[in-house]
Amino acid sequence: MKKITMYSGTPCSRCDEAKALLKSKNIEFEERNVWEKKENAKEMLQRTNGARTIPQIFIEDHYIGSKEELIEANRTGELDKLIS
């Protein structure tokens, strides 16, 4: 399975919803908290070209976007294609 990276923070209900979706599909992911480590925030800003909201989600180097884009990718079946 491909590497999933989620930039998140705590508390963050939108992050929790994105994590719950991934967990419901048994998709493992690496979480990088942007509030606990400033280098994670800096890395997120570079990878997303300046997106500041969380969560921000990547599959390998493919930028998914936020929770809404993750949900849409799941709804259309694109998420399954991207992770396989």
PDB file of N, CA and C in Angstrom:
ATOM      1  N   MET A   1       0.839  -1.174   0.000  1.00  0.00           N
ATOM      2  CA  MET A   1       0.000   0.000   0.000  1.00  0.00           C
ATOM      3  C   MET A   1       0.886   1.241   0.000  1.00  0.00           C
ATOM      4  N   LYS A   2       0.408   2.295  -0.596  1.00  0.00           N
ATOM      5  CA  LYS A   2       1.173   3.532  -0.698  1.00  0.00           C
ATOM      6  C   LYS A   2       1.171   4.293   0.618  1.00  0.00           C
ATOM      7  N   LYS A   3       2.181   5.143   0.766  1.00  0.00           N
ATOM      8  CA  LYS A   3       2.330   5.931   1.989  1.00  0.00           C
ATOM      9  C   LYS A   3       1.351   7.107   1.980  1.00  0.00           C
ATOM     10  N   ILE A   4       0.567   7.201   3.050  1.00  0.00           N
ATOM     11  CA  ILE A   4      -0.383   8.294   3.231  1.00  0.00           C
ATOM     12  C   ILE A   4       0.168   9.192   4.332  1.00  0.00           C
ATOM     13  N   THR A   5       0.204  10.489   4.067  1.00  0.00           N
ATOM     14  CA  THR A   5       0.646  11.460   5.064  1.00  0.00           C
ATOM     15  C   THR A   5      -0.482  12.453   5.289  1.00  0.00           C
ATOM     16  N   MET A   6      -0.810  12.670   6.572  1.00  0.00           N
ATOM     17  CA  MET A   6      -1.824  13.655   6.919  1.00  0.00           C
ATOM     18  C   MET A   6      -1.201  14.678   7.864  1.00  0.00           C
ATOM     19  N   TYR A   7      -1.252  15.935   7.459  1.00  0.00           N
ATOM     20  CA  TYR A   7      -0.839  17.030   8.327  1.00  0.00           C
ATOM     21  C   TYR A   7      -2.074  17.426   9.126  1.00  0.00           C
ATOM     22  N   SER A   8      -1.938  17.434  10.447  1.00  0.00           N
ATOM     23  CA  SER A   8      -3.095  17.643  11.308  1.00  0.00           C
ATOM     24  C   SER A   8      -2.709  18.452  12.529  1.00  0.00           C
ATOM     25  N   GLY A   9      -3.664  18.583  13.432  1.00  0.00           N
ATOM     26  CA  GLY A   9      -3.451  19.245  14.706  1.00  0.00           C
ATOM     27  C   GLY A   9      -4.416  18.676  15.719  1.00  0.00           C
ATOM     28  N   THR A  10      -4.224  19.078  16.981  1.00  0.00           N
ATOM     29  CA  THR A  10      -5.088  18.593  18.041  1.00  0.00           C
ATOM     30  C   THR A  10      -5.477  19.755  18.930  1.00  0.00           C
ATOM     31  N   PRO A  11      -6.725  19.990  19.221  1.00  0.00           N
ATOM     32  CA  PRO A  11      -7.891  19.295  18.699  1.00  0.00           C
ATOM     33  C   PRO A  11      -8.239  19.796  17.307  1.00  0.00           C
ATOM     34  N   CYS A  12      -8.862  18.937  16.520  1.00  0.00           N
ATOM     35  CA  CYS A  12      -9.273  19.297  15.157  1.00  0.00           C
ATOM     36  C   CYS A  12     -10.342  18.301  14.714  1.00  0.00           C
ATOM     37  N   SER A  13     -11.590  18.725  14.731  1.00  0.00           N
ATOM     38  CA  SER A  13     -12.683  17.816  14.373  1.00  0.00           C
ATOM     39  C   SER A  13     -12.603  17.385  12.916  1.00  0.00           C
ATOM     40  N   ARG A  14     -12.165  18.276  12.038  1.00  0.00           N
ATOM     41  CA  ARG A  14     -12.035  17.922  10.614  1.00  0.00           C
ATOM     42  C   ARG A  14     -10.948  16.866  10.428  1.00  0.00           C
ATOM     43  N   CYS A  15      -9.870  16.994  11.196  1.00  0.00           N
ATOM     44  CA  CYS A  15      -8.801  15.984  11.156  1.00  0.00           C
ATOM     45  C   CYS A  15      -9.338  14.648  11.657  1.00  0.00           C
ATOM     46  N   ASP A  16     -10.098  14.699  12.752  1.00  0.00           N
ATOM     47  CA  ASP A  16     -10.669  13.477  13.319  1.00  0.00           C
ATOM     48  C   ASP A  16     -11.579  12.777  12.304  1.00  0.00           C
ATOM     49  N   GLU A  17     -12.356  13.547  11.552  1.00  0.00           N
ATOM     50  CA  GLU A  17     -13.239  12.966  10.541  1.00  0.00           C
ATOM     51  C   GLU A  17     -12.443  12.322   9.412  1.00  0.00           C
ATOM     52  N   ALA A  18     -11.380  12.978   8.977  1.00  0.00           N
ATOM     53  CA  ALA A  18     -10.534  12.414   7.919  1.00  0.00           C
ATOM     54  C   ALA A  18      -9.858  11.135   8.396  1.00  0.00           C
ATOM     55  N   LYS A  19      -9.358  11.150   9.635  1.00  0.00           N
ATOM     56  CA  LYS A  19      -8.720   9.956  10.197  1.00  0.00           C
ATOM     57  C   LYS A  19      -9.725   8.817  10.318  1.00  0.00           C
ATOM     58  N   ALA A  20     -10.948   9.132  10.729  1.00  0.00           N
ATOM     59  CA  ALA A  20     -11.981   8.101  10.874  1.00  0.00           C
ATOM     60  C   ALA A  20     -12.298   7.464   9.522  1.00  0.00           C
ATOM     61  N   LEU A  21     -12.339   8.262   8.460  1.00  0.00           N
ATOM     62  CA  LEU A  21     -12.593   7.719   7.124  1.00  0.00           C
ATOM     63  C   LEU A  21     -11.476   6.759   6.722  1.00  0.00           C
ATOM     64  N   LEU A  22     -10.234   7.178   6.908  1.00  0.00           N
ATOM     65  CA  LEU A  22      -9.114   6.317   6.545  1.00  0.00           C
ATOM     66  C   LEU A  22      -9.105   5.036   7.384  1.00  0.00           C
ATOM     67  N   LYS A  23      -9.357   5.164   8.675  1.00  0.00           N
ATOM     68  CA  LYS A  23      -9.390   3.988   9.549  1.00  0.00           C
ATOM     69  C   LYS A  23     -10.521   3.044   9.179  1.00  0.00           C
ATOM     70  N   SER A  24     -11.679   3.593   8.762  1.00  0.00           N
ATOM     71  CA  SER A  24     -12.815   2.754   8.389  1.00  0.00           C
ATOM     72  C   SER A  24     -12.509   1.907   7.161  1.00  0.00           C
ATOM     73  N   LYS A  25     -11.547   2.353   6.362  1.00  0.00           N
ATOM     74  CA  LYS A  25     -11.138   1.620   5.165  1.00  0.00           C
ATOM     75  C   LYS A  25      -9.853   0.830   5.414  1.00  0.00           C
ATOM     76  N   ASN A  26      -9.426   0.775   6.682  1.00  0.00           N
ATOM     77  CA  ASN A  26      -8.191   0.080   7.074  1.00  0.00           C
ATOM     78  C   ASN A  26      -6.974   0.605   6.323  1.00  0.00           C
ATOM     79  N   ILE A  27      -6.935   1.912   6.137  1.00  0.00           N
ATOM     80  CA  ILE A  27      -5.816   2.565   5.467  1.00  0.00           C
ATOM     81  C   ILE A  27      -4.895   3.138   6.536  1.00  0.00           C
ATOM     82  N   GLU A  28      -3.659   2.674   6.539  1.00  0.00           N
ATOM     83  CA  GLU A  28      -2.677   3.207   7.476  1.00  0.00           C
ATOM     84  C   GLU A  28      -2.165   4.546   6.955  1.00  0.00           C
ATOM     85  N   PHE A  29      -1.854   5.437   7.886  1.00  0.00           N
ATOM     86  CA  PHE A  29      -1.350   6.758   7.508  1.00  0.00           C
ATOM     87  C   PHE A  29      -0.394   7.265   8.563  1.00  0.00           C
ATOM     88  N   GLU A  30       0.466   8.165   8.126  1.00  0.00           N
ATOM     89  CA  GLU A  30       1.382   8.853   9.036  1.00  0.00           C
ATOM     90  C   GLU A  30       0.797  10.223   9.329  1.00  0.00           C
ATOM     91  N   GLU A  31       0.693  10.533  10.602  1.00  0.00           N
ATOM     92  CA  GLU A  31       0.151  11.821  11.007  1.00  0.00           C
ATOM     93  C   GLU A  31       1.291  12.736  11.427  1.00  0.00           C
ATOM     94  N   ARG A  32       1.278  13.951  10.903  1.00  0.00           N
ATOM     95  CA  ARG A  32       2.281  14.949  11.260  1.00  0.00           C
ATOM     96  C   ARG A  32       1.568  16.159  11.837  1.00  0.00           C
ATOM     97  N   ASN A  33       1.684  16.333  13.150  1.00  0.00           N
ATOM     98  CA  ASN A  33       0.999  17.410  13.846  1.00  0.00           C
ATOM     99  C   ASN A  33       1.731  18.725  13.605  1.00  0.00           C
ATOM    100  N   VAL A  34       1.018  19.681  13.023  1.00  0.00           N
ATOM    101  CA  VAL A  34       1.627  20.970  12.673  1.00  0.00           C
ATOM    102  C   VAL A  34       1.690  21.921  13.859  1.00  0.00           C
ATOM    103  N   TRP A  35       0.954  21.623  14.922  1.00  0.00           N
ATOM    104  CA  TRP A  35       0.979  22.483  16.099  1.00  0.00           C
ATOM    105  C   TRP A  35       2.052  22.050  17.077  1.00  0.00           C
ATOM    106  N   GLU A  36       2.385  20.774  17.068  1.00  0.00           N
ATOM    107  CA  GLU A  36       3.406  20.281  17.987  1.00  0.00           C
ATOM    108  C   GLU A  36       4.819  20.498  17.466  1.00  0.00           C
ATOM    109  N   LYS A  37       4.983  20.453  16.146  1.00  0.00           N
ATOM    110  CA  LYS A  37       6.308  20.619  15.551  1.00  0.00           C
ATOM    111  C   LYS A  37       6.235  21.652  14.430  1.00  0.00           C
ATOM    112  N   LYS A  38       6.954  22.723  14.615  1.00  0.00           N
ATOM    113  CA  LYS A  38       6.949  23.802  13.618  1.00  0.00           C
ATOM    114  C   LYS A  38       7.477  23.336  12.266  1.00  0.00           C
ATOM    115  N   GLU A  39       8.422  22.376  12.279  1.00  0.00           N
ATOM    116  CA  GLU A  39       8.951  21.892  11.008  1.00  0.00           C
ATOM    117  C   GLU A  39       7.873  21.172  10.192  1.00  0.00           C
ATOM    118  N   ASN A  40       6.901  20.553  10.864  1.00  0.00           N
ATOM    119  CA  ASN A  40       5.787  19.927  10.146  1.00  0.00           C
ATOM    120  C   ASN A  40       4.926  20.979   9.458  1.00  0.00           C
ATOM    121  N   ALA A  41       4.693  22.091  10.146  1.00  0.00           N
ATOM    122  CA  ALA A  41       3.912  23.178   9.557  1.00  0.00           C
ATOM    123  C   ALA A  41       4.634  23.758   8.342  1.00  0.00           C
ATOM    124  N   LYS A  42       5.908  23.955   8.467  1.00  0.00           N
ATOM    125  CA  LYS A  42       6.706  24.505   7.363  1.00  0.00           C
ATOM    126  C   LYS A  42       6.687  23.549   6.171  1.00  0.00           C
ATOM    127  N   GLU A  43       6.863  22.263   6.453  1.00  0.00           N
ATOM    128  CA  GLU A  43       6.828  21.247   5.397  1.00  0.00           C
ATOM    129  C   GLU A  43       5.463  21.222   4.712  1.00  0.00           C
ATOM    130  N   MET A  44       4.378  21.302   5.497  1.00  0.00           N
ATOM    131  CA  MET A  44       3.040  21.307   4.919  1.00  0.00           C
ATOM    132  C   MET A  44       2.850  22.502   3.990  1.00  0.00           C
ATOM    133  N   LEU A  45       3.266  23.666   4.434  1.00  0.00           N
ATOM    134  CA  LEU A  45       3.116  24.872   3.612  1.00  0.00           C
ATOM    135  C   LEU A  45       3.873  24.741   2.291  1.00  0.00           C
ATOM    136  N   GLN A  46       5.053  24.147   2.330  1.00  0.00           N
ATOM    137  CA  GLN A  46       5.834  23.948   1.104  1.00  0.00           C
ATOM    138  C   GLN A  46       5.161  22.945   0.174  1.00  0.00           C
ATOM    139  N   ARG A  47       4.698  21.835   0.734  1.00  0.00           N
ATOM    140  CA  ARG A  47       4.107  20.773  -0.097  1.00  0.00           C
ATOM    141  C   ARG A  47       2.761  21.178  -0.692  1.00  0.00           C
ATOM    142  N   THR A  48       2.023  22.059   0.001  1.00  0.00           N
ATOM    143  CA  THR A  48       0.684  22.442  -0.457  1.00  0.00           C
ATOM    144  C   THR A  48       0.665  23.784  -1.178  1.00  0.00           C
ATOM    145  N   ASN A  49       1.820  24.375  -1.372  1.00  0.00           N
ATOM    146  CA  ASN A  49       1.909  25.705  -1.971  1.00  0.00           C
ATOM    147  C   ASN A  49       1.148  26.749  -1.163  1.00  0.00           C
ATOM    148  N   GLY A  50       1.223  26.622   0.167  1.00  0.00           N
ATOM    149  CA  GLY A  50       0.689  27.662   1.037  1.00  0.00           C
ATOM    150  C   GLY A  50      -0.635  27.375   1.717  1.00  0.00           C
ATOM    151  N   ALA A  51      -1.227  26.208   1.532  1.00  0.00           N
ATOM    152  CA  ALA A  51      -2.492  25.893   2.220  1.00  0.00           C
ATOM    153  C   ALA A  51      -2.244  25.866   3.723  1.00  0.00           C
ATOM    154  N   ARG A  52      -3.082  26.564   4.470  1.00  0.00           N
ATOM    155  CA  ARG A  52      -2.883  26.698   5.905  1.00  0.00           C
ATOM    156  C   ARG A  52      -3.906  25.937   6.742  1.00  0.00           C
ATOM    157  N   THR A  53      -4.970  25.462   6.124  1.00  0.00           N
ATOM    158  CA  THR A  53      -5.986  24.739   6.882  1.00  0.00           C
ATOM    159  C   THR A  53      -5.558  23.289   7.064  1.00  0.00           C
ATOM    160  N   ILE A  54      -6.086  22.665   8.115  1.00  0.00           N
ATOM    161  CA  ILE A  54      -5.812  21.252   8.341  1.00  0.00           C
ATOM    162  C   ILE A  54      -7.125  20.503   8.388  1.00  0.00           C
ATOM    163  N   PRO A  55      -7.111  19.262   7.994  1.00  0.00           N
ATOM    164  CA  PRO A  55      -5.973  18.459   7.566  1.00  0.00           C
ATOM    165  C   PRO A  55      -5.590  18.739   6.118  1.00  0.00           C
ATOM    166  N   GLN A  56      -4.366  18.364   5.789  1.00  0.00           N
ATOM    167  CA  GLN A  56      -3.883  18.331   4.410  1.00  0.00           C
ATOM    168  C   GLN A  56      -3.350  16.916   4.199  1.00  0.00           C
ATOM    169  N   ILE A  57      -3.765  16.288   3.105  1.00  0.00           N
ATOM    170  CA  ILE A  57      -3.524  14.860   2.928  1.00  0.00           C
ATOM    171  C   ILE A  57      -2.806  14.592   1.612  1.00  0.00           C
ATOM    172  N   PHE A  58      -1.811  13.694   1.691  1.00  0.00           N
ATOM    173  CA  PHE A  58      -1.039  13.266   0.528  1.00  0.00           C
ATOM    174  C   PHE A  58      -1.039  11.751   0.447  1.00  0.00           C
ATOM    175  N   ILE A  59      -1.094  11.237  -0.766  1.00  0.00           N
ATOM    176  CA  ILE A  59      -0.833   9.827  -1.029  1.00  0.00           C
ATOM    177  C   ILE A  59       0.439   9.811  -1.854  1.00  0.00           C
ATOM    178  N   GLU A  60       1.510   9.315  -1.228  1.00  0.00           N
ATOM    179  CA  GLU A  60       2.864   9.449  -1.795  1.00  0.00           C
ATOM    180  C   GLU A  60       3.088  10.935  -2.046  1.00  0.00           C
ATOM    181  N   ASP A  61       3.359  11.341  -3.288  1.00  0.00           N
ATOM    182  CA  ASP A  61       3.535  12.758  -3.616  1.00  0.00           C
ATOM    183  C   ASP A  61       2.291  13.373  -4.247  1.00  0.00           C
ATOM    184  N   HIS A  62       1.214  12.588  -4.322  1.00  0.00           N
ATOM    185  CA  HIS A  62      -0.046  13.085  -4.897  1.00  0.00           C
ATOM    186  C   HIS A  62      -0.822  13.849  -3.823  1.00  0.00           C
ATOM    187  N   TYR A  63      -1.085  15.113  -4.078  1.00  0.00           N
ATOM    188  CA  TYR A  63      -1.781  15.976  -3.139  1.00  0.00           C
ATOM    189  C   TYR A  63      -3.278  15.762  -3.257  1.00  0.00           C
ATOM    190  N   ILE A  64      -3.897  15.242  -2.200  1.00  0.00           N
ATOM    191  CA  ILE A  64      -5.347  15.060  -2.166  1.00  0.00           C
ATOM    192  C   ILE A  64      -6.024  16.372  -1.808  1.00  0.00           C
ATOM    193  N   GLY A  65      -5.564  17.003  -0.747  1.00  0.00           N
ATOM    194  CA  GLY A  65      -6.176  18.239  -0.272  1.00  0.00           C
ATOM    195  C   GLY A  65      -6.681  18.064   1.143  1.00  0.00           C
ATOM    196  N   SER A  66      -7.829  18.659   1.424  1.00  0.00           N
ATOM    197  CA  SER A  66      -8.382  18.642   2.778  1.00  0.00           C
ATOM    198  C   SER A  66      -9.369  17.494   2.961  1.00  0.00           C
ATOM    199  N   LYS A  67     -10.072  17.526   4.077  1.00  0.00           N
ATOM    200  CA  LYS A  67     -11.062  16.491   4.387  1.00  0.00           C
ATOM    201  C   LYS A  67     -12.113  16.383   3.290  1.00  0.00           C
ATOM    202  N   GLU A  68     -12.568  17.504   2.783  1.00  0.00           N
ATOM    203  CA  GLU A  68     -13.609  17.489   1.760  1.00  0.00           C
ATOM    204  C   GLU A  68     -13.148  16.767   0.495  1.00  0.00           C
ATOM    205  N   GLU A  69     -11.931  17.027   0.071  1.00  0.00           N
ATOM    206  CA  GLU A  69     -11.396  16.356  -1.120  1.00  0.00           C
ATOM    207  C   GLU A  69     -11.195  14.861  -0.863  1.00  0.00           C
ATOM    208  N   LEU A  70     -10.802  14.509   0.359  1.00  0.00           N
ATOM    209  CA  LEU A  70     -10.658  13.100   0.714  1.00  0.00           C
ATOM    210  C   LEU A  70     -12.012  12.393   0.642  1.00  0.00           C
ATOM    211  N   ILE A  71     -13.037  13.020   1.182  1.00  0.00           N
ATOM    212  CA  ILE A  71     -14.381  12.438   1.144  1.00  0.00           C
ATOM    213  C   ILE A  71     -14.853  12.285  -0.298  1.00  0.00           C
ATOM    214  N   GLU A  72     -14.615  13.283  -1.110  1.00  0.00           N
ATOM    215  CA  GLU A  72     -15.028  13.217  -2.519  1.00  0.00           C
ATOM    216  C   GLU A  72     -14.267  12.118  -3.254  1.00  0.00           C
ATOM    217  N   ALA A  73     -12.972  12.001  -2.995  1.00  0.00           N
ATOM    218  CA  ALA A  73     -12.179  10.942  -3.630  1.00  0.00           C
ATOM    219  C   ALA A  73     -12.706   9.570  -3.222  1.00  0.00           C
ATOM    220  N   ASN A  74     -13.124   9.443  -1.989  1.00  0.00           N
ATOM    221  CA  ASN A  74     -13.696   8.178  -1.527  1.00  0.00           C
ATOM    222  C   ASN A  74     -15.043   7.916  -2.203  1.00  0.00           C
ATOM    223  N   ARG A  75     -15.875   8.944  -2.287  1.00  0.00           N
ATOM    224  CA  ARG A  75     -17.210   8.813  -2.885  1.00  0.00           C
ATOM    225  C   ARG A  75     -17.140   8.367  -4.349  1.00  0.00           C
ATOM    226  N   THR A  76     -16.170   8.896  -5.081  1.00  0.00           N
ATOM    227  CA  THR A  76     -16.058   8.589  -6.511  1.00  0.00           C
ATOM    228  C   THR A  76     -15.255   7.324  -6.804  1.00  0.00           C
ATOM    229  N   GLY A  77     -14.623   6.740  -5.774  1.00  0.00           N
ATOM    230  CA  GLY A  77     -13.794   5.575  -5.974  1.00  0.00           C
ATOM    231  C   GLY A  77     -12.342   5.899  -6.311  1.00  0.00           C
ATOM    232  N   GLU A  78     -12.038   7.165  -6.444  1.00  0.00           N
ATOM    233  CA  GLU A  78     -10.679   7.601  -6.768  1.00  0.00           C
ATOM    234  C   GLU A  78      -9.689   7.248  -5.652  1.00  0.00           C
ATOM    235  N   LEU A  79     -10.136   7.318  -4.402  1.00  0.00           N
ATOM    236  CA  LEU A  79      -9.259   7.007  -3.273  1.00  0.00           C
ATOM    237  C   LEU A  79      -8.745   5.577  -3.367  1.00  0.00           C
ATOM    238  N   ASP A  80      -9.624   4.640  -3.672  1.00  0.00           N
ATOM    239  CA  ASP A  80      -9.203   3.238  -3.798  1.00  0.00           C
ATOM    240  C   ASP A  80      -8.196   3.066  -4.917  1.00  0.00           C
ATOM    241  N   LYS A  81      -8.392   3.779  -6.018  1.00  0.00           N
ATOM    242  CA  LYS A  81      -7.450   3.696  -7.139  1.00  0.00           C
ATOM    243  C   LYS A  81      -6.087   4.272  -6.736  1.00  0.00           C
ATOM    244  N   LEU A  82      -6.096   5.370  -6.012  1.00  0.00           N
ATOM    245  CA  LEU A  82      -4.845   6.025  -5.637  1.00  0.00           C
ATOM    246  C   LEU A  82      -4.024   5.222  -4.642  1.00  0.00           C
ATOM    247  N   ILE A  83      -4.675   4.484  -3.766  1.00  0.00           N
ATOM    248  CA  ILE A  83      -3.925   3.752  -2.749  1.00  0.00           C
ATOM    249  C   ILE A  83      -3.488   2.363  -3.203  1.00  0.00           C
ATOM    250  N   SER A  84      -4.060   1.872  -4.286  1.00  0.00           N
ATOM    251  CA  SER A  84      -3.701   0.514  -4.718  1.00  0.00           C
ATOM    252  C   SER A  84      -2.461   0.513  -5.589  1.00  0.00           C
TER     253      SER A  84
END
